[in-house]
Amino acid sequence: MGVLYLVALGIALFGMVMLDRRFTLFFWRDPARAFVTLLVGVVFFVIWDLVGIDLGIFFRGETSFMTGVQLAPELPLEEIFFLTLLCYLTMNLLEGGRQIVARRLEVRRPGVEAGTPSEGGSAS
């Protein structure tokens, strides 16, 4: 039972990967840029956590659902997976939202289709 939270985070991360792959959102759009973006985000939040821990703001709660593995005082292993999920989810949501808006804008432009001349243009 001590790995339940880690397994849940792994399943959620797998879901993010499948959504990313299906809709070409983040890693499937530009893998190198996605890796750097995700790494920067996770490192930023780990530093944020460490500062919060040092100030006594953040602390690890006791639960039987976690592995008990500590990467630093009050920083459980699961936190890295959670921060990765948080950053990946954010990037998928941003790109997914961008794609939805772009599709809606394409639908609202009457007469602008691939291979169709726009109004006022020459058809020859």
Protein backbone atom coordinates (compact mmCIF):
# COMPACT_ATOMS: atom_id res chain seq x y z
CA MET A 1 0.00 0.00 0.00
CA GLY A 2 3.06 2.25 0.39
CA VAL A 3 3.35 2.83 -3.34
CA LEU A 4 -0.29 3.61 -4.11
CA TYR A 5 0.23 7.36 -4.55
CA LEU A 6 3.29 6.81 -6.76
CA VAL A 7 1.33 4.33 -8.91
CA ALA A 8 -1.55 6.82 -9.22
CA LEU A 9 0.88 9.52 -10.33
CA GLY A 10 2.39 7.09 -12.85
CA ILE A 11 -1.05 6.29 -14.28
CA ALA A 12 -1.87 10.00 -14.55
CA LEU A 13 1.47 10.67 -16.28
CA PHE A 14 0.76 7.82 -18.70
CA GLY A 15 -2.60 9.46 -19.45
CA MET A 16 -0.84 12.76 -20.19
CA VAL A 17 1.52 10.97 -22.58
CA MET A 18 -1.42 9.31 -24.37
CA LEU A 19 -3.27 12.64 -24.72
CA ASP A 20 -0.08 14.27 -25.94
CA ARG A 21 0.45 11.54 -28.52
CA ARG A 22 -3.18 11.47 -29.69
CA PHE A 23 -3.47 15.23 -30.22
CA THR A 24 0.21 16.09 -30.90
CA LEU A 25 0.33 18.52 -28.01
CA PHE A 26 3.75 18.79 -26.38
CA PHE A 27 6.43 16.11 -26.79
CA TRP A 28 4.98 14.90 -30.09
CA ARG A 29 5.04 18.46 -31.47
CA ASP A 30 8.65 19.36 -30.59
CA PRO A 31 10.43 16.83 -28.33
CA ALA A 32 13.61 18.84 -27.65
CA ARG A 33 11.78 22.02 -26.71
CA ALA A 34 9.25 20.04 -24.67
CA PHE A 35 12.01 18.30 -22.70
CA VAL A 36 13.74 21.58 -21.86
CA THR A 37 10.44 23.25 -20.93
CA LEU A 38 9.39 20.38 -18.69
CA LEU A 39 12.82 20.18 -17.06
CA VAL A 40 12.90 23.93 -16.36
CA GLY A 41 9.40 23.79 -14.88
CA VAL A 42 10.15 20.82 -12.61
CA VAL A 43 13.48 22.30 -11.45
CA PHE A 44 11.76 25.64 -10.72
CA PHE A 45 9.12 23.95 -8.57
CA VAL A 46 11.65 21.73 -6.78
CA ILE A 47 13.61 24.86 -5.85
CA TRP A 48 10.32 26.48 -4.79
CA ASP A 49 9.57 23.45 -2.60
CA LEU A 50 13.05 23.45 -1.05
CA VAL A 51 12.78 27.14 -0.19
CA GLY A 52 9.32 26.55 1.28
CA ILE A 53 10.62 23.61 3.30
CA ASP A 54 13.55 25.68 4.55
CA LEU A 55 11.16 28.46 5.64
CA GLY A 56 8.96 25.94 7.44
CA ILE A 57 6.02 26.52 5.09
CA PHE A 58 5.98 23.07 3.44
CA PHE A 59 6.32 19.75 5.18
CA ARG A 60 5.66 16.12 4.37
CA GLY A 61 2.47 14.72 5.78
CA GLU A 62 2.39 11.19 7.14
CA THR A 63 0.39 8.72 5.08
CA SER A 64 0.52 5.02 4.36
CA PHE A 65 0.00 5.65 0.63
CA MET A 66 3.52 6.98 0.05
CA THR A 67 6.78 5.06 -0.28
CA GLY A 68 8.54 6.88 2.56
CA VAL A 69 11.55 7.57 0.32
CA GLN A 70 12.90 11.07 1.02
CA LEU A 71 15.08 12.88 -1.54
CA ALA A 72 15.77 15.62 1.01
CA PRO A 73 14.29 16.41 4.42
CA GLU A 74 10.52 16.83 3.92
CA LEU A 75 10.84 16.18 0.15
CA PRO A 76 9.34 12.80 -0.77
CA LEU A 77 10.10 10.95 -4.00
CA GLU A 78 6.48 11.34 -5.08
CA GLU A 79 6.86 15.13 -5.18
CA ILE A 80 9.08 14.90 -8.28
CA PHE A 81 6.44 12.82 -10.07
CA PHE A 82 3.70 15.20 -8.95
CA LEU A 83 5.62 18.24 -10.20
CA THR A 84 6.30 16.49 -13.50
CA LEU A 85 2.60 15.72 -13.84
CA LEU A 86 1.69 19.31 -12.95
CA CYS A 87 4.04 20.80 -15.56
CA TYR A 88 3.10 18.25 -18.25
CA LEU A 89 -0.62 18.80 -17.63
CA THR A 90 -0.15 22.57 -17.88
CA MET A 91 1.70 22.32 -21.18
CA ASN A 92 -0.88 19.90 -22.63
CA LEU A 93 -3.70 22.21 -21.52
CA LEU A 94 -2.03 25.28 -23.02
CA GLU A 95 -1.35 23.62 -26.36
CA GLY A 96 -4.75 21.92 -26.43
CA GLY A 97 -6.44 25.25 -25.75
CA ARG A 98 -4.38 26.90 -28.47
CA GLN A 99 -5.41 24.22 -30.95
CA ILE A 100 -9.10 24.57 -30.03
CA VAL A 101 -9.00 28.34 -30.49
CA ALA A 102 -7.17 27.99 -33.81
CA ARG A 103 -9.78 25.51 -35.11
CA ARG A 104 -12.65 27.76 -34.01
CA LEU A 105 -11.08 30.72 -35.79
CA GLU A 106 -10.68 28.65 -38.96
CA VAL A 107 -14.37 27.68 -38.87
CA ARG A 108 -15.48 31.31 -38.47
CA ARG A 109 -13.65 32.52 -41.60
CA PRO A 110 -16.18 32.02 -44.41
CA GLY A 111 -14.80 31.44 -47.88
CA VAL A 112 -11.28 30.72 -46.71
CA GLU A 113 -10.60 27.10 -47.53
CA ALA A 114 -7.60 25.31 -48.89
CA GLY A 115 -7.49 25.81 -52.67
CA THR A 116 -10.34 28.36 -52.71
CA PRO A 117 -9.45 31.90 -53.76
CA SER A 118 -10.38 34.55 -51.21
CA GLU A 119 -12.87 37.31 -51.97
CA GLY A 120 -11.46 39.96 -54.24
CA GLY A 121 -8.80 37.59 -55.52
CA SER A 122 -8.38 36.35 -59.05
CA ALA A 123 -9.61 32.89 -59.95
CA SER A 124 -7.26 32.48 -62.91
